[in-house]
Amino acid sequence: MASITILDPTNESKPATRELLQRPGSISGHTIGLLDISKPRGNVFLDRLEERLTERGAKVLRFAKPTFTKPAPVDLRHEISTQCTLVIEALAD
């Protein structure tokens, strides 16, 4: 399995190396969390993405960070991780 280096803008001095997870063969039956980071127009992208994912049989849950300037709060990350099997984070600038 391949690995990927993730550069975290909050701490680029120590990049994390993580193993890539296997992608599902289908999204049908999955619960997909859509995380809006609260930048302008990110919700427009997520609205369209939700339509497309729902058409393909996924259940979609929406989440939003209180502000784009800070990482998502721990309780929000926990909620997403316990309710979703897949997550998409949107950024629209």
C-alpha atoms as a PDB file:
ATOM      1  CA  MET A   1       0.000   0.000   0.000  1.00  0.00           C
ATOM      2  CA  ALA A   2       1.294   3.488  -0.854  1.00  0.00           C
ATOM      3  CA  SER A   3       1.953   6.216   1.657  1.00  0.00           C
ATOM      4  CA  ILE A   4       1.492   9.946   1.372  1.00  0.00           C
ATOM      5  CA  THR A   5       3.135  12.915   3.058  1.00  0.00           C
ATOM      6  CA  ILE A   6       0.599  15.404   4.378  1.00  0.00           C
ATOM      7  CA  LEU A   7       1.738  18.984   4.892  1.00  0.00           C
ATOM      8  CA  ASP A   8      -0.202  20.511   7.731  1.00  0.00           C
ATOM      9  CA  PRO A   9      -0.270  24.320   7.469  1.00  0.00           C
ATOM     10  CA  THR A  10      -0.478  24.551  11.261  1.00  0.00           C
ATOM     11  CA  ASN A  11       2.853  22.730  11.694  1.00  0.00           C
ATOM     12  CA  GLU A  12       4.817  22.227   8.475  1.00  0.00           C
ATOM     13  CA  SER A  13       8.068  21.643  10.343  1.00  0.00           C
ATOM     14  CA  LYS A  14       7.049  18.020  10.969  1.00  0.00           C
ATOM     15  CA  PRO A  15       5.154  16.584   7.965  1.00  0.00           C
ATOM     16  CA  ALA A  16       3.107  13.497   8.789  1.00  0.00           C
ATOM     17  CA  THR A  17       3.451  10.336   6.730  1.00  0.00           C
ATOM     18  CA  ARG A  18       0.302   8.240   6.610  1.00  0.00           C
ATOM     19  CA  GLU A  19      -0.656   5.084   4.793  1.00  0.00           C
ATOM     20  CA  LEU A  20      -3.394   5.548   2.201  1.00  0.00           C
ATOM     21  CA  LEU A  21      -6.605   3.698   2.951  1.00  0.00           C
ATOM     22  CA  GLN A  22      -8.153   1.523   0.296  1.00  0.00           C
ATOM     23  CA  ARG A  23     -10.880   3.345  -1.618  1.00  0.00           C
ATOM     24  CA  PRO A  24     -14.328   1.766  -1.544  1.00  0.00           C
ATOM     25  CA  GLY A  25     -15.540   0.144  -4.737  1.00  0.00           C
ATOM     26  CA  SER A  26     -18.794   2.090  -4.456  1.00  0.00           C
ATOM     27  CA  ILE A  27     -20.165   4.886  -2.301  1.00  0.00           C
ATOM     28  CA  SER A  28     -23.616   3.302  -2.203  1.00  0.00           C
ATOM     29  CA  GLY A  29     -24.569   2.626   1.397  1.00  0.00           C
ATOM     30  CA  HIS A  30     -21.790   4.793   2.839  1.00  0.00           C
ATOM     31  CA  THR A  31     -22.409   7.768   5.099  1.00  0.00           C
ATOM     32  CA  ILE A  32     -20.366  10.637   3.725  1.00  0.00           C
ATOM     33  CA  GLY A  33     -19.630  13.687   5.825  1.00  0.00           C
ATOM     34  CA  LEU A  34     -19.271  16.974   3.971  1.00  0.00           C
ATOM     35  CA  LEU A  35     -17.236  19.449   6.002  1.00  0.00           C
ATOM     36  CA  ASP A  36     -17.663  23.106   5.101  1.00  0.00           C
ATOM     37  CA  ILE A  37     -14.625  24.983   6.407  1.00  0.00           C
ATOM     38  CA  SER A  38     -16.665  28.221   6.364  1.00  0.00           C
ATOM     39  CA  LYS A  39     -14.954  29.991   3.491  1.00  0.00           C
ATOM     40  CA  PRO A  40     -17.147  31.902   1.054  1.00  0.00           C
ATOM     41  CA  ARG A  41     -18.972  29.759  -1.513  1.00  0.00           C
ATOM     42  CA  GLY A  42     -17.726  26.442  -0.139  1.00  0.00           C
ATOM     43  CA  ASN A  43     -21.354  25.617   0.584  1.00  0.00           C
ATOM     44  CA  VAL A  44     -22.207  26.067  -3.117  1.00  0.00           C
ATOM     45  CA  PHE A  45     -19.725  23.354  -4.045  1.00  0.00           C
ATOM     46  CA  LEU A  46     -20.964  21.100  -1.227  1.00  0.00           C
ATOM     47  CA  ASP A  47     -24.616  21.561  -2.257  1.00  0.00           C
ATOM     48  CA  ARG A  48     -23.848  20.230  -5.720  1.00  0.00           C
ATOM     49  CA  LEU A  49     -21.629  17.477  -4.363  1.00  0.00           C
ATOM     50  CA  GLU A  50     -24.383  16.368  -1.985  1.00  0.00           C
ATOM     51  CA  GLU A  51     -26.803  16.057  -4.925  1.00  0.00           C
ATOM     52  CA  ARG A  52     -24.357  13.903  -6.877  1.00  0.00           C
ATOM     53  CA  LEU A  53     -23.474  11.663  -3.914  1.00  0.00           C
ATOM     54  CA  THR A  54     -27.125  11.141  -2.996  1.00  0.00           C
ATOM     55  CA  GLU A  55     -27.915  10.168  -6.604  1.00  0.00           C
ATOM     56  CA  ARG A  56     -25.285   7.441  -6.246  1.00  0.00           C
ATOM     57  CA  GLY A  57     -26.836   5.955  -3.108  1.00  0.00           C
ATOM     58  CA  ALA A  58     -24.811   7.603  -0.353  1.00  0.00           C
ATOM     59  CA  LYS A  59     -26.254   9.106   2.806  1.00  0.00           C
ATOM     60  CA  VAL A  60     -24.829  12.618   3.281  1.00  0.00           C
ATOM     61  CA  LEU A  61     -24.349  14.488   6.557  1.00  0.00           C
ATOM     62  CA  ARG A  62     -23.305  18.144   6.575  1.00  0.00           C
ATOM     63  CA  PHE A  63     -20.916  19.712   9.048  1.00  0.00           C
ATOM     64  CA  ALA A  64     -19.343  23.162   9.304  1.00  0.00           C
ATOM     65  CA  LYS A  65     -16.329  24.555  11.097  1.00  0.00           C
ATOM     66  CA  PRO A  66     -17.044  27.700  13.108  1.00  0.00           C
ATOM     67  CA  THR A  67     -14.213  29.498  11.279  1.00  0.00           C
ATOM     68  CA  PHE A  68     -11.741  28.677   8.519  1.00  0.00           C
ATOM     69  CA  THR A  69      -8.893  30.254  10.494  1.00  0.00           C
ATOM     70  CA  LYS A  70      -8.596  27.397  13.007  1.00  0.00           C
ATOM     71  CA  PRO A  71      -8.674  23.592  12.909  1.00  0.00           C
ATOM     72  CA  ALA A  72     -12.050  21.945  13.466  1.00  0.00           C
ATOM     73  CA  PRO A  73     -12.870  21.630  17.172  1.00  0.00           C
ATOM     74  CA  VAL A  74     -12.235  18.248  18.783  1.00  0.00           C
ATOM     75  CA  ASP A  75     -15.937  17.619  19.421  1.00  0.00           C
ATOM     76  CA  LEU A  76     -16.759  18.283  15.751  1.00  0.00           C
ATOM     77  CA  ARG A  77     -13.998  15.935  14.572  1.00  0.00           C
ATOM     78  CA  HIS A  78     -15.274  13.266  16.967  1.00  0.00           C
ATOM     79  CA  GLU A  79     -18.857  13.679  15.732  1.00  0.00           C
ATOM     80  CA  ILE A  80     -17.751  13.315  12.117  1.00  0.00           C
ATOM     81  CA  SER A  81     -15.551  10.287  12.824  1.00  0.00           C
ATOM     82  CA  THR A  82     -18.302   8.432  14.687  1.00  0.00           C
ATOM     83  CA  GLN A  83     -21.098   9.153  12.196  1.00  0.00           C
ATOM     84  CA  CYS A  84     -19.350   8.909   8.803  1.00  0.00           C
ATOM     85  CA  THR A  85     -17.488   6.267   6.842  1.00  0.00           C
ATOM     86  CA  LEU A  86     -16.067   8.797   4.352  1.00  0.00           C
ATOM     87  CA  VAL A  87     -15.403  12.553   4.590  1.00  0.00           C
ATOM     88  CA  ILE A  88     -14.960  15.334   2.042  1.00  0.00           C
ATOM     89  CA  GLU A  89     -13.689  18.738   3.112  1.00  0.00           C
ATOM     90  CA  ALA A  90     -14.482  21.705   0.860  1.00  0.00           C
ATOM     91  CA  LEU A  91     -12.437  24.756   0.148  1.00  0.00           C
ATOM     92  CA  ALA A  92     -13.602  27.290  -2.392  1.00  0.00           C
ATOM     93  CA  ASP A  93     -11.531  30.418  -3.007  1.00  0.00           C
END
